[in-house]
Each structure stands twice: as structure tokens, then as C-alpha cells.
Amino acid sequence: MCWILLTIQQRLTPVLLHIAQLKSKQIALRVIQQTVKEHVDAYRYAPSDWITWHYDQRGKVSGMELNERTVASATGHLIQMTDHSIQALQGFKIYIPISYALQSPFLNSIGPRVPVEIEPNGTTQVMIGTRMKQAGLNIVMVEVYAKVMTEISLWFPFQQVSENVNTEIPLSVSMVFGEVPQWGAPQVPSSSEPTQGKD
């Protein structure tokens, strides 16, 4: 009898653990995304807050740089806020029905459930970066995004596993019309008005 129970456990545990990892990661991602959204909504950033644009004598965008002051301030706030949100998951439990592993719809509502507890593991890291993407003929989309990285532990019956949680969340999007600009300030920047719009 013990051999049968051990065999069942060995077959069910990997499936249930995989489901637990997926569900816990979804929960952590939702928490991070909501926290970053709250920060962006609170500060009401404009594209010009993130990027300093440089123009040539024709008024065309010739170069751009990340605004270091905005990046430093936002990074600090986001680290504090997202880390606080992840730490709030301490002791949060999810319950995985054994029927998921058995693929038995009959047991979905009456079958036993395996408790899995989430525990933050380490501190949250935030990096703010940019990327450019072609959005049409002579149109470039410039996106500023936050990359959030953290780690959580899952307390599964009789074992503990760690799960990395990484996500990239857009903070600002601008459309640049004309030639693809270069990162960094040109040697002779102009004070002309920008030829760029907000998406």
C-alpha cells in the first residue's frame, strides 16, 4: 500500500509543482504590473520627461538621450514600491486541485487540494531601458520600459523551490518621423521644436 501511495505521489508531484509555479508567477506578475501602473499614473510622465531630444537645423530629430534625473528618480521609486508589493505576498497561499494532475473533471469540485505558500526571496531589481522599432515608412517607435526582476520561493509539501519573476513594462512611447535618430547628443544640437508625437 505504501509503495502504491509513493508511486502516486512521485507521479503527481511534478505536475502539481509545475502548475503551482505557473500560478504563483502569474500572481507575482500581476502585482508588479499593477504597482508600476500606479506609479506611472501618479507621476503622469510625458515622453519629454524620459528622453532629451536633439534636433538638426531642419528641425528633425537627430539624437536623443535618456533623462538621467528622471531615470534615477523613477528607478528608486519603482524598486521601493515593487519590493513592498512583493513582500506583501509573504504567506499568500494558493491551492492546487489534485484533479489537475489526474485530468479528472469529476474531481474538480470535490477533490483534495494541495496548499502552496508564496514567500519573497531577496530584493527586487529595476532597470529602465529603451528600444526602437520600425513603425512604418520613415517612422520609428521609441519605447521606454522598466525591467523588473525578483525571486519568490514556493513552499510545496515536503519541498521548496525558487522561481525567477522577470517582466518588462512600457513606461512611455513616442513616434519619431524621419530618419532613425542616434542615441546621444550630436555635436551641434539645435533648439528647434520636436518632430515627434506621443502614441
Protein backbone atom coordinates (compact mmCIF):
# COMPACT_ATOMS: atom_id res chain seq x y z
CA MET A 1 0.00 0.00 0.00
CA CYS A 2 2.82 2.39 0.91
CA TRP A 3 4.53 1.60 -2.38
CA ILE A 4 1.35 2.49 -4.27
CA LEU A 5 0.97 5.81 -2.41
CA LEU A 6 4.64 6.64 -3.01
CA THR A 7 4.27 5.91 -6.72
CA ILE A 8 1.18 8.14 -6.95
CA GLN A 9 3.00 10.94 -5.13
CA GLN A 10 6.04 10.69 -7.39
CA ARG A 11 3.85 10.93 -10.48
CA LEU A 12 1.60 13.72 -9.23
CA THR A 13 4.17 15.98 -7.58
CA PRO A 14 5.99 17.18 -10.76
CA VAL A 15 2.70 18.07 -12.46
CA LEU A 16 1.27 19.84 -9.40
CA LEU A 17 4.54 21.67 -8.80
CA HIS A 18 4.61 22.90 -12.41
CA ILE A 19 1.05 24.21 -12.06
CA ALA A 20 1.95 25.88 -8.76
CA GLN A 21 4.94 27.60 -10.38
CA LEU A 22 2.78 28.93 -13.22
CA LYS A 23 0.05 30.23 -10.92
CA SER A 24 2.41 31.84 -8.41
CA LYS A 25 4.35 33.52 -11.21
CA GLN A 26 1.10 34.91 -12.66
CA ILE A 27 0.21 36.34 -9.25
CA ALA A 28 3.63 37.98 -8.84
CA LEU A 29 3.50 39.42 -12.37
CA ARG A 30 0.05 40.93 -11.77
CA VAL A 31 1.30 42.53 -8.57
CA ILE A 32 4.34 44.01 -10.32
CA GLN A 33 2.38 45.28 -13.31
CA GLN A 34 -0.25 46.92 -11.10
CA THR A 35 2.43 48.58 -8.98
CA VAL A 36 4.25 50.03 -11.99
CA LYS A 37 0.93 51.22 -13.46
CA GLU A 38 0.10 53.01 -10.21
CA HIS A 39 3.49 54.73 -10.26
CA VAL A 40 3.11 55.88 -13.88
CA ASP A 41 -0.45 57.10 -13.24
CA ALA A 42 0.65 59.02 -10.16
CA TYR A 43 3.57 60.83 -11.82
CA ARG A 44 1.89 61.41 -15.21
CA TYR A 45 5.13 61.26 -17.18
CA ALA A 46 5.35 62.86 -20.61
CA PRO A 47 7.71 61.43 -23.27
CA SER A 48 9.92 64.51 -22.81
CA ASP A 49 10.38 63.62 -19.14
CA TRP A 50 12.17 60.43 -20.17
CA ILE A 51 14.06 61.46 -23.28
CA THR A 52 16.01 64.60 -24.18
CA TRP A 53 15.64 65.21 -27.90
CA HIS A 54 18.20 66.92 -30.12
CA TYR A 55 17.40 68.46 -33.50
CA ASP A 56 19.27 69.50 -36.61
CA GLN A 57 18.93 72.81 -38.43
CA ARG A 58 15.89 71.47 -40.30
CA GLY A 59 14.07 70.75 -37.07
CA LYS A 60 14.41 66.99 -37.49
CA VAL A 61 15.28 64.71 -34.60
CA SER A 62 18.99 63.92 -34.87
CA GLY A 63 19.74 62.44 -31.47
CA MET A 64 18.25 61.53 -28.13
CA GLU A 65 19.35 60.73 -24.61
CA LEU A 66 17.67 59.26 -21.57
CA ASN A 67 16.99 61.87 -18.90
CA GLU A 68 19.24 60.59 -16.12
CA ARG A 69 17.44 62.54 -13.42
CA THR A 70 14.05 61.04 -14.31
CA VAL A 71 15.54 57.56 -14.67
CA ALA A 72 17.27 57.72 -11.29
CA SER A 73 14.17 59.04 -9.53
CA ALA A 74 11.79 56.55 -11.16
CA THR A 75 14.14 53.62 -10.57
CA GLY A 76 14.36 54.40 -6.87
CA HIS A 77 10.60 54.74 -6.50
CA LEU A 78 9.87 51.60 -8.52
CA ILE A 79 12.34 49.50 -6.54
CA GLN A 80 10.75 50.61 -3.29
CA MET A 81 7.17 50.15 -4.47
CA THR A 82 7.57 46.82 -6.27
CA ASP A 83 9.66 45.34 -3.46
CA HIS A 84 6.98 46.38 -0.95
CA SER A 85 4.27 44.80 -3.13
CA ILE A 86 6.20 41.53 -3.49
CA GLN A 87 6.95 41.41 0.24
CA ALA A 88 3.20 41.72 0.84
CA LEU A 89 2.82 38.27 -0.76
CA GLN A 90 4.53 36.73 2.27
CA GLY A 91 2.41 33.80 3.42
CA PHE A 92 -0.02 34.04 0.48
CA LYS A 93 -1.38 30.59 -0.27
CA ILE A 94 -2.73 29.06 -3.43
CA TYR A 95 -4.48 25.70 -3.59
CA ILE A 96 -3.90 23.33 -6.49
CA PRO A 97 -6.61 20.68 -7.03
CA ILE A 98 -5.13 17.21 -7.42
CA SER A 99 -7.68 16.71 -10.19
CA TYR A 100 -5.49 18.96 -12.40
CA ALA A 101 -2.80 16.29 -12.36
CA LEU A 102 -5.27 13.44 -12.71
CA GLN A 103 -7.10 15.25 -15.55
CA SER A 104 -10.39 14.37 -13.89
CA PRO A 105 -13.19 16.95 -14.32
CA PHE A 106 -15.28 14.94 -11.85
CA LEU A 107 -12.87 15.77 -9.02
CA ASN A 108 -12.61 19.48 -9.78
CA SER A 109 -15.12 20.49 -7.15
CA ILE A 110 -14.79 17.70 -4.62
CA GLY A 111 -11.20 16.51 -4.90
CA PRO A 112 -8.44 17.41 -2.40
CA ARG A 113 -6.31 20.49 -2.93
CA VAL A 114 -2.58 20.89 -2.32
CA PRO A 115 -1.62 24.11 -0.46
CA VAL A 116 1.34 26.08 -1.79
CA GLU A 117 2.71 29.08 0.09
CA ILE A 118 4.49 32.00 -1.58
CA GLU A 119 7.48 33.61 0.09
CA PRO A 120 9.51 36.55 -1.28
CA ASN A 121 13.15 35.66 -1.79
CA GLY A 122 15.65 38.51 -1.92
CA THR A 123 15.13 42.05 -3.11
CA THR A 124 13.56 43.41 -6.28
CA GLN A 125 15.72 44.94 -9.01
CA VAL A 126 14.57 47.51 -11.57
CA MET A 127 16.34 48.63 -14.73
CA ILE A 128 14.97 51.27 -17.10
CA GLY A 129 15.88 50.89 -20.75
CA THR A 130 14.87 51.93 -24.25
CA ARG A 131 14.30 50.25 -27.59
CA MET A 132 13.46 51.44 -31.07
CA LYS A 133 11.19 49.69 -33.52
CA GLN A 134 10.25 50.49 -37.09
CA ALA A 135 6.58 51.52 -37.10
CA GLY A 136 6.13 52.45 -40.75
CA LEU A 137 7.82 54.24 -43.61
CA ASN A 138 10.24 56.74 -42.03
CA ILE A 139 8.52 56.27 -38.67
CA VAL A 140 10.31 54.91 -35.60
CA MET A 141 8.68 53.98 -32.30
CA VAL A 142 10.81 54.77 -29.25
CA GLU A 143 9.78 52.93 -26.12
CA VAL A 144 10.99 53.47 -22.57
CA TYR A 145 10.37 50.44 -20.39
CA ALA A 146 11.05 49.13 -16.89
CA LYS A 147 12.54 45.68 -16.48
CA VAL A 148 11.60 44.29 -13.07
CA MET A 149 13.40 41.25 -11.69
CA THR A 150 12.66 39.42 -8.45
CA GLU A 151 12.57 35.93 -6.99
CA ILE A 152 9.99 34.07 -4.96
CA SER A 153 10.05 30.76 -3.13
CA LEU A 154 7.25 28.21 -3.18
CA TRP A 155 6.67 26.02 -0.16
CA PHE A 156 5.26 22.86 -1.65
CA PRO A 157 4.54 19.88 0.64
CA PHE A 158 7.88 18.37 1.62
CA GLN A 159 9.94 20.65 -0.61
CA GLN A 160 10.82 24.23 -1.51
CA VAL A 161 11.57 25.64 -4.96
CA SER A 162 12.58 29.08 -6.19
CA GLU A 163 11.06 30.87 -9.15
CA ASN A 164 12.51 33.86 -11.02
CA VAL A 165 9.97 36.51 -11.98
CA ASN A 166 11.08 38.89 -14.74
CA THR A 167 8.93 41.24 -16.79
CA GLU A 168 9.24 44.35 -18.98
CA ILE A 169 6.59 47.05 -18.70
CA PRO A 170 6.28 50.07 -21.06
CA LEU A 171 6.57 53.47 -19.39
CA SER A 172 6.41 55.78 -22.40
CA VAL A 173 6.06 55.52 -26.18
CA SER A 174 7.00 58.19 -28.72
CA MET A 175 6.80 58.25 -32.50
CA VAL A 176 9.69 59.83 -34.42
CA PHE A 177 9.13 60.84 -38.04
CA GLY A 178 12.07 60.92 -40.44
CA GLU A 179 15.46 59.28 -40.35
CA VAL A 180 16.33 56.97 -37.48
CA PRO A 181 17.93 59.12 -34.75
CA GLN A 182 21.11 58.20 -32.92
CA TRP A 183 21.49 57.80 -29.19
CA GLY A 184 23.50 60.64 -27.70
CA ALA A 185 23.70 64.34 -28.42
CA PRO A 186 25.00 65.49 -31.82
CA GLN A 187 27.98 67.84 -31.89
CA VAL A 188 25.86 70.84 -32.87
CA PRO A 189 22.39 70.47 -31.33
CA SER A 190 19.59 72.77 -32.45
CA SER A 191 16.79 74.30 -30.38
CA SER A 192 14.09 73.69 -32.98
CA GLU A 193 10.74 72.21 -31.97
CA PRO A 194 10.49 68.41 -31.98
CA THR A 195 9.12 66.40 -34.86
CA GLN A 196 7.75 63.65 -32.67
CA GLY A 197 4.44 62.65 -31.24
CA LYS A 198 3.02 60.69 -28.37
CA ASP A 199 1.23 57.41 -29.04
